Amino acid sequence: MYTENPKNEEAFGDASEQFDKRICFVPYESNKKYSMKLPLMKGQIKFYETVNINARIDKNAIAYNILEILNGKKIYRFMK
């Protein structure tokens, strides 16, 4: 899931607490263990663009392995 609203982030956490592995992408720093910050990259205007383009490896993306994130490893690898 993704959201720009901290209330929605909290609601996601409450609604999905029965699941150990879950992710909520946000554009801000968060101390929630299920949330991961994704910054806007050059040329991106809307947060959904950031989330969608980062689901793959692209010239304007952060590369990540979704399985690593689900296992608690928040690793950012910026592409050039």
Protein backbone atom coordinates (compact mmCIF):
# COMPACT_ATOMS: atom_id res chain seq x y z
CA MET A 1 0.00 0.00 0.00
CA TYR A 2 1.03 3.61 -0.28
CA THR A 3 -0.26 6.82 1.25
CA GLU A 4 0.73 10.42 1.83
CA ASN A 5 -1.51 10.67 4.88
CA PRO A 6 -0.23 9.58 8.32
CA LYS A 7 -3.80 8.77 9.43
CA ASN A 8 -4.16 6.33 6.53
CA GLU A 9 -0.77 4.84 7.38
CA GLU A 10 -1.97 4.25 10.95
CA ALA A 11 -5.30 2.80 9.73
CA PHE A 12 -3.40 0.41 7.45
CA GLY A 13 -1.30 -0.71 10.41
CA ASP A 14 -4.38 -1.30 12.55
CA ALA A 15 -6.30 -3.11 9.80
CA SER A 16 -3.38 -5.36 8.84
CA GLU A 17 -1.88 -6.10 12.25
CA GLN A 18 -2.68 -9.81 11.92
CA PHE A 19 -0.10 -9.99 9.11
CA ASP A 20 3.61 -10.14 9.91
CA LYS A 21 4.70 -9.11 6.45
CA ARG A 22 3.21 -5.88 5.14
CA ILE A 23 4.45 -2.67 3.54
CA CYS A 24 3.15 0.86 3.43
CA PHE A 25 5.16 3.24 1.25
CA VAL A 26 5.16 6.85 2.46
CA PRO A 27 6.92 10.05 1.29
CA TYR A 28 8.04 10.99 4.82
CA GLU A 29 10.10 9.50 7.64
CA SER A 30 8.08 7.06 9.72
CA ASN A 31 8.90 4.98 12.77
CA LYS A 32 6.33 2.32 11.86
CA LYS A 33 8.10 -0.97 11.16
CA TYR A 34 5.77 -1.71 8.24
CA SER A 35 6.39 1.67 6.55
CA MET A 36 9.11 2.59 4.11
CA LYS A 37 9.97 6.07 2.89
CA LEU A 38 10.28 6.55 -0.86
CA PRO A 39 11.55 9.99 -1.88
CA LEU A 40 10.42 11.68 -5.07
CA MET A 41 13.08 11.32 -7.71
CA LYS A 42 13.95 13.76 -10.48
CA GLY A 43 11.02 14.23 -12.84
CA GLN A 44 8.43 12.76 -10.48
CA ILE A 45 5.65 15.05 -9.32
CA LYS A 46 3.07 12.76 -7.71
CA PHE A 47 3.83 10.20 -5.01
CA TYR A 48 2.00 7.42 -6.86
CA GLU A 49 4.56 7.86 -9.68
CA THR A 50 7.34 7.20 -7.19
CA VAL A 51 5.64 4.06 -5.87
CA ASN A 52 4.79 2.69 -9.32
CA ILE A 53 8.14 3.35 -10.96
CA ASN A 54 10.03 1.86 -8.01
CA ALA A 55 8.25 -1.44 -8.52
CA ARG A 56 10.78 -1.99 -11.30
CA ILE A 57 14.34 -1.00 -12.09
CA ASP A 58 14.43 2.11 -14.22
CA LYS A 59 16.77 5.01 -14.88
CA ASN A 60 14.70 7.12 -12.48
CA ALA A 61 14.05 4.54 -9.76
CA ILE A 62 15.26 3.16 -6.51
CA ALA A 63 15.96 -0.53 -6.97
CA TYR A 64 14.66 -2.77 -4.23
CA ASN A 65 13.83 -6.40 -3.71
CA ILE A 66 10.26 -6.66 -2.43
CA LEU A 67 11.03 -9.96 -0.70
CA GLU A 68 13.87 -8.35 1.26
CA ILE A 69 11.53 -5.56 2.36
CA LEU A 70 8.92 -8.07 3.49
CA ASN A 71 11.65 -9.77 5.53
CA GLY A 72 12.43 -6.50 7.31
CA LYS A 73 15.41 -5.31 5.27
CA LYS A 74 14.94 -1.71 4.13
CA ILE A 75 17.73 -1.38 1.60
CA TYR A 76 17.88 1.55 -0.82
CA ARG A 77 20.04 1.27 -3.91
CA PHE A 78 19.96 4.42 -6.01
CA MET A 79 20.32 3.98 -9.74
CA LYS A 80 22.39 6.40 -11.85
